């Protein structure tokens, strides 16, 4: 499912403004490798990625307004102890490769 930003980017084939950034050579090379893997130009990759991240930042700042009853129901769910999850418990006890 494409986000609205992705749809806006794909619906406009003509770019009408410039953005210039400075980067370290290793950053440019990293971006170029990722863009190439996706079959995109550097500019398209950077623009799409930056817009997706900007959208996430903005979405994280949304305020939800609830009536008292709904708020109390959410509070009860958040305050309740977590249910037992054996797979999560096993995962949390595993040693990760970068710590060995």
N, C-alpha and C. Protein backbone atom coordinates (compact mmCIF):
# COMPACT_ATOMS: atom_id res chain seq x y z
N UNK A 1 0.83 -1.18 0.00
CA UNK A 1 0.00 0.00 0.00
C UNK A 1 0.89 1.25 0.00
N UNK A 2 0.75 2.07 -1.01
CA UNK A 2 1.59 3.26 -1.11
C UNK A 2 1.04 4.37 -0.23
N UNK A 3 1.95 5.14 0.35
CA UNK A 3 1.53 6.29 1.15
C UNK A 3 1.15 7.42 0.23
N UNK A 4 0.51 8.44 0.80
CA UNK A 4 0.11 9.59 0.00
C UNK A 4 1.31 10.31 -0.57
N UNK A 5 2.42 10.34 0.18
CA UNK A 5 3.63 10.99 -0.33
C UNK A 5 4.16 10.22 -1.53
N UNK A 6 4.19 8.87 -1.44
CA UNK A 6 4.65 8.07 -2.58
C UNK A 6 3.77 8.32 -3.79
N UNK A 7 2.45 8.40 -3.58
CA UNK A 7 1.54 8.66 -4.68
C UNK A 7 1.80 10.04 -5.28
N UNK A 8 2.03 11.02 -4.44
CA UNK A 8 2.31 12.36 -4.95
C UNK A 8 3.59 12.38 -5.76
N UNK A 9 4.61 11.65 -5.30
CA UNK A 9 5.88 11.61 -6.02
C UNK A 9 5.72 10.92 -7.36
N UNK A 10 4.97 9.83 -7.41
CA UNK A 10 4.83 9.10 -8.66
C UNK A 10 3.90 9.80 -9.63
N UNK A 11 3.02 10.68 -9.14
CA UNK A 11 2.08 11.37 -10.01
C UNK A 11 2.69 12.60 -10.67
N UNK A 12 3.85 13.02 -10.23
CA UNK A 12 4.48 14.22 -10.79
C UNK A 12 5.80 13.83 -11.44
N UNK A 13 5.82 13.87 -12.77
CA UNK A 13 7.05 13.48 -13.45
C UNK A 13 8.01 14.65 -13.62
N UNK A 14 7.55 15.88 -13.45
CA UNK A 14 8.41 17.05 -13.61
C UNK A 14 8.67 17.65 -12.23
N UNK A 15 9.94 17.74 -11.87
CA UNK A 15 10.32 18.36 -10.61
C UNK A 15 10.48 19.84 -10.85
N UNK A 16 9.93 20.66 -9.97
CA UNK A 16 9.95 22.09 -10.23
C UNK A 16 10.74 22.91 -9.21
N UNK A 17 11.54 22.25 -8.39
CA UNK A 17 12.40 22.98 -7.47
C UNK A 17 13.66 22.17 -7.21
N UNK A 18 14.71 22.84 -6.81
CA UNK A 18 15.99 22.17 -6.54
C UNK A 18 16.25 22.08 -5.05
N UNK A 19 16.93 21.02 -4.65
CA UNK A 19 17.41 20.85 -3.28
C UNK A 19 18.86 20.40 -3.39
N UNK A 20 19.75 21.08 -2.71
CA UNK A 20 21.16 20.71 -2.73
C UNK A 20 21.61 20.35 -1.32
N UNK A 21 22.36 19.26 -1.21
CA UNK A 21 22.90 18.87 0.09
C UNK A 21 24.36 18.50 -0.06
N UNK A 22 25.10 18.66 1.00
CA UNK A 22 26.49 18.23 1.03
C UNK A 22 26.55 16.91 1.80
N UNK A 23 27.42 16.02 1.35
CA UNK A 23 27.54 14.72 1.99
C UNK A 23 28.99 14.27 1.95
N UNK A 24 29.33 13.39 2.87
CA UNK A 24 30.63 12.74 2.84
C UNK A 24 30.63 11.75 1.68
N UNK A 25 31.80 11.44 1.17
CA UNK A 25 31.90 10.51 0.04
C UNK A 25 31.29 9.15 0.41
N UNK A 26 31.55 8.66 1.64
CA UNK A 26 31.00 7.35 2.02
C UNK A 26 29.48 7.38 2.08
N UNK A 27 28.90 8.54 2.45
CA UNK A 27 27.44 8.66 2.47
C UNK A 27 26.88 8.60 1.05
N UNK A 28 27.51 9.32 0.14
CA UNK A 28 27.08 9.30 -1.25
C UNK A 28 27.18 7.89 -1.81
N UNK A 29 28.29 7.20 -1.52
CA UNK A 29 28.48 5.84 -2.03
C UNK A 29 27.43 4.89 -1.47
N UNK A 30 27.12 5.04 -0.19
CA UNK A 30 26.09 4.21 0.45
C UNK A 30 24.74 4.43 -0.22
N UNK A 31 24.39 5.68 -0.42
CA UNK A 31 23.12 6.03 -1.07
C UNK A 31 23.09 5.49 -2.50
N UNK A 32 24.20 5.63 -3.22
CA UNK A 32 24.27 5.14 -4.59
C UNK A 32 24.05 3.62 -4.66
N UNK A 33 24.65 2.90 -3.73
CA UNK A 33 24.49 1.44 -3.71
C UNK A 33 23.03 1.06 -3.46
N UNK A 34 22.41 1.71 -2.50
CA UNK A 34 21.01 1.40 -2.19
C UNK A 34 20.11 1.78 -3.36
N UNK A 35 20.34 2.93 -3.95
CA UNK A 35 19.54 3.37 -5.09
C UNK A 35 19.67 2.39 -6.25
N UNK A 36 20.89 1.96 -6.50
CA UNK A 36 21.12 1.02 -7.59
C UNK A 36 20.37 -0.30 -7.36
N UNK A 37 20.40 -0.78 -6.11
CA UNK A 37 19.67 -2.02 -5.79
C UNK A 37 18.19 -1.91 -6.09
N UNK A 38 17.64 -0.70 -5.92
CA UNK A 38 16.22 -0.47 -6.18
C UNK A 38 15.93 0.01 -7.59
N UNK A 39 16.98 0.16 -8.40
CA UNK A 39 16.79 0.62 -9.77
C UNK A 39 16.35 2.07 -9.85
N UNK A 40 16.83 2.88 -8.91
CA UNK A 40 16.44 4.29 -8.87
C UNK A 40 17.67 5.17 -9.06
N UNK A 41 17.43 6.40 -9.44
CA UNK A 41 18.52 7.37 -9.47
C UNK A 41 18.80 7.81 -8.05
N UNK A 42 19.96 8.40 -7.85
CA UNK A 42 20.30 8.93 -6.53
C UNK A 42 19.24 9.95 -6.09
N UNK A 43 18.90 10.85 -6.96
CA UNK A 43 17.93 11.90 -6.61
C UNK A 43 16.58 11.31 -6.22
N UNK A 44 16.08 10.38 -7.03
CA UNK A 44 14.78 9.77 -6.72
C UNK A 44 14.83 9.02 -5.39
N UNK A 45 15.92 8.28 -5.17
CA UNK A 45 16.06 7.52 -3.93
C UNK A 45 16.07 8.46 -2.72
N UNK A 46 16.89 9.50 -2.78
CA UNK A 46 17.01 10.43 -1.66
C UNK A 46 15.68 11.14 -1.42
N UNK A 47 15.05 11.61 -2.47
CA UNK A 47 13.79 12.33 -2.31
C UNK A 47 12.69 11.44 -1.74
N UNK A 48 12.54 10.23 -2.28
CA UNK A 48 11.51 9.33 -1.78
C UNK A 48 11.76 8.93 -0.33
N UNK A 49 13.02 8.64 -0.01
CA UNK A 49 13.36 8.24 1.35
C UNK A 49 13.15 9.38 2.34
N UNK A 50 13.58 10.57 1.96
CA UNK A 50 13.41 11.74 2.84
C UNK A 50 11.94 12.06 3.04
N UNK A 51 11.14 11.97 1.99
CA UNK A 51 9.71 12.24 2.13
C UNK A 51 9.02 11.20 3.00
N UNK A 52 9.41 9.94 2.84
CA UNK A 52 8.82 8.88 3.67
C UNK A 52 9.15 9.10 5.14
N UNK A 53 10.40 9.46 5.43
CA UNK A 53 10.80 9.72 6.81
C UNK A 53 10.10 10.96 7.36
N UNK A 54 9.97 12.00 6.54
CA UNK A 54 9.28 13.21 6.97
C UNK A 54 7.82 12.91 7.31
N UNK A 55 7.21 12.07 6.51
CA UNK A 55 5.81 11.69 6.77
C UNK A 55 5.71 10.93 8.09
N UNK A 56 6.65 10.03 8.37
CA UNK A 56 6.65 9.30 9.64
C UNK A 56 6.80 10.25 10.82
N UNK A 57 7.70 11.21 10.71
CA UNK A 57 7.90 12.18 11.79
C UNK A 57 6.61 12.94 12.04
N UNK A 58 5.96 13.38 10.98
CA UNK A 58 4.72 14.13 11.13
C UNK A 58 3.60 13.26 11.70
N UNK A 59 3.53 12.01 11.27
CA UNK A 59 2.49 11.12 11.79
C UNK A 59 2.70 10.82 13.27
N UNK A 60 3.95 10.76 13.70
CA UNK A 60 4.24 10.51 15.11
C UNK A 60 3.80 11.66 16.00
N UNK A 61 3.56 12.81 15.42
CA UNK A 61 3.19 14.00 16.20
C UNK A 61 1.68 14.20 16.26
N UNK A 62 0.91 13.29 15.73
CA UNK A 62 -0.54 13.42 15.73
C UNK A 62 -1.09 13.29 17.15
N UNK A 63 -2.12 14.05 17.44
CA UNK A 63 -2.77 14.01 18.74
C UNK A 63 -4.12 13.31 18.58
N UNK A 64 -4.36 12.34 19.42
CA UNK A 64 -5.64 11.64 19.41
C UNK A 64 -6.49 12.15 20.56
N UNK A 65 -7.72 12.47 20.26
CA UNK A 65 -8.64 12.94 21.28
C UNK A 65 -9.68 11.86 21.53
N UNK A 66 -9.81 11.47 22.80
CA UNK A 66 -10.76 10.42 23.16
C UNK A 66 -11.75 10.96 24.19
N UNK A 67 -12.95 10.40 24.16
CA UNK A 67 -13.88 10.73 25.23
C UNK A 67 -13.43 10.00 26.49
N UNK A 68 -14.00 10.35 27.63
CA UNK A 68 -13.55 9.80 28.91
C UNK A 68 -13.61 8.28 28.95
N UNK A 69 -14.69 7.72 28.45
CA UNK A 69 -14.86 6.26 28.48
C UNK A 69 -13.79 5.56 27.63
N UNK A 70 -13.52 6.07 26.45
CA UNK A 70 -12.51 5.47 25.58
C UNK A 70 -11.11 5.63 26.18
N UNK A 71 -10.84 6.78 26.78
CA UNK A 71 -9.54 7.01 27.40
C UNK A 71 -9.32 6.02 28.54
N UNK A 72 -10.35 5.82 29.36
CA UNK A 72 -10.22 4.88 30.48
C UNK A 72 -10.01 3.46 29.97
N UNK A 73 -10.65 3.09 28.87
CA UNK A 73 -10.47 1.75 28.30
C UNK A 73 -9.02 1.57 27.82
N UNK A 74 -8.47 2.60 27.20
CA UNK A 74 -7.09 2.54 26.75
C UNK A 74 -6.16 2.45 27.94
N UNK A 75 -6.42 3.24 28.97
CA UNK A 75 -5.59 3.21 30.17
C UNK A 75 -5.59 1.82 30.81
N UNK A 76 -6.75 1.17 30.86
CA UNK A 76 -6.82 -0.18 31.42
C UNK A 76 -5.95 -1.15 30.62
N UNK A 77 -5.99 -1.04 29.30
CA UNK A 77 -5.17 -1.91 28.46
C UNK A 77 -3.68 -1.66 28.68
N UNK A 78 -3.31 -0.40 28.80
CA UNK A 78 -1.90 -0.07 29.00
C UNK A 78 -1.40 -0.46 30.38
N UNK A 79 -2.26 -0.38 31.37
CA UNK A 79 -1.87 -0.70 32.75
C UNK A 79 -1.91 -2.19 33.05
N UNK A 80 -2.58 -2.97 32.21
CA UNK A 80 -2.71 -4.41 32.45
C UNK A 80 -1.36 -5.08 32.25
N UNK A 81 -1.07 -6.11 33.05
CA UNK A 81 0.19 -6.83 32.84
C UNK A 81 0.17 -7.52 31.48
N UNK A 82 1.32 -7.66 30.85
CA UNK A 82 1.35 -8.30 29.54
C UNK A 82 1.01 -9.78 29.66
N UNK A 83 0.40 -10.30 28.61
CA UNK A 83 0.09 -11.73 28.60
C UNK A 83 1.37 -12.50 28.34
N UNK A 84 1.39 -13.75 28.79
CA UNK A 84 2.59 -14.58 28.61
C UNK A 84 2.79 -14.85 27.13
N UNK A 85 4.01 -14.69 26.69
CA UNK A 85 4.34 -14.91 25.28
C UNK A 85 5.65 -15.70 25.24
N UNK A 86 5.55 -17.04 25.19
CA UNK A 86 6.75 -17.88 25.23
C UNK A 86 7.75 -17.57 24.11
N UNK A 87 7.26 -17.29 22.92
CA UNK A 87 8.18 -17.00 21.81
C UNK A 87 8.94 -15.70 22.06
N UNK A 88 8.27 -14.70 22.59
CA UNK A 88 8.95 -13.45 22.91
C UNK A 88 9.96 -13.67 24.04
N UNK A 89 9.58 -14.44 25.04
CA UNK A 89 10.49 -14.74 26.15
C UNK A 89 11.75 -15.44 25.63
N UNK A 90 11.57 -16.40 24.70
CA UNK A 90 12.71 -17.11 24.11
C UNK A 90 13.58 -16.14 23.32
N UNK A 91 12.95 -15.28 22.54
CA UNK A 91 13.69 -14.30 21.75
C UNK A 91 14.52 -13.38 22.64
N UNK A 92 13.96 -12.95 23.75
CA UNK A 92 14.64 -12.02 24.64
C UNK A 92 15.81 -12.66 25.37
N UNK A 93 15.87 -13.99 25.42
CA UNK A 93 16.99 -14.67 26.09
C UNK A 93 18.09 -15.09 25.12
N UNK A 94 17.86 -14.91 23.81
CA UNK A 94 18.87 -15.29 22.82
C UNK A 94 20.03 -14.30 22.83
N UNK A 95 21.20 -14.80 22.56
CA UNK A 95 22.37 -13.95 22.41
C UNK A 95 22.43 -13.48 20.96
N UNK A 96 22.52 -12.19 20.79
CA UNK A 96 22.58 -11.65 19.43
C UNK A 96 24.00 -11.75 18.90
N UNK A 97 24.16 -11.92 17.59
CA UNK A 97 25.49 -12.16 17.01
C UNK A 97 26.50 -11.07 17.31
N UNK A 98 26.07 -9.83 17.39
CA UNK A 98 27.04 -8.74 17.61
C UNK A 98 27.49 -8.63 19.07
N UNK A 99 26.93 -9.46 19.95
CA UNK A 99 27.36 -9.46 21.35
C UNK A 99 28.16 -10.70 21.70
N UNK A 100 28.50 -11.52 20.70
CA UNK A 100 29.27 -12.74 20.99
C UNK A 100 30.75 -12.50 20.79
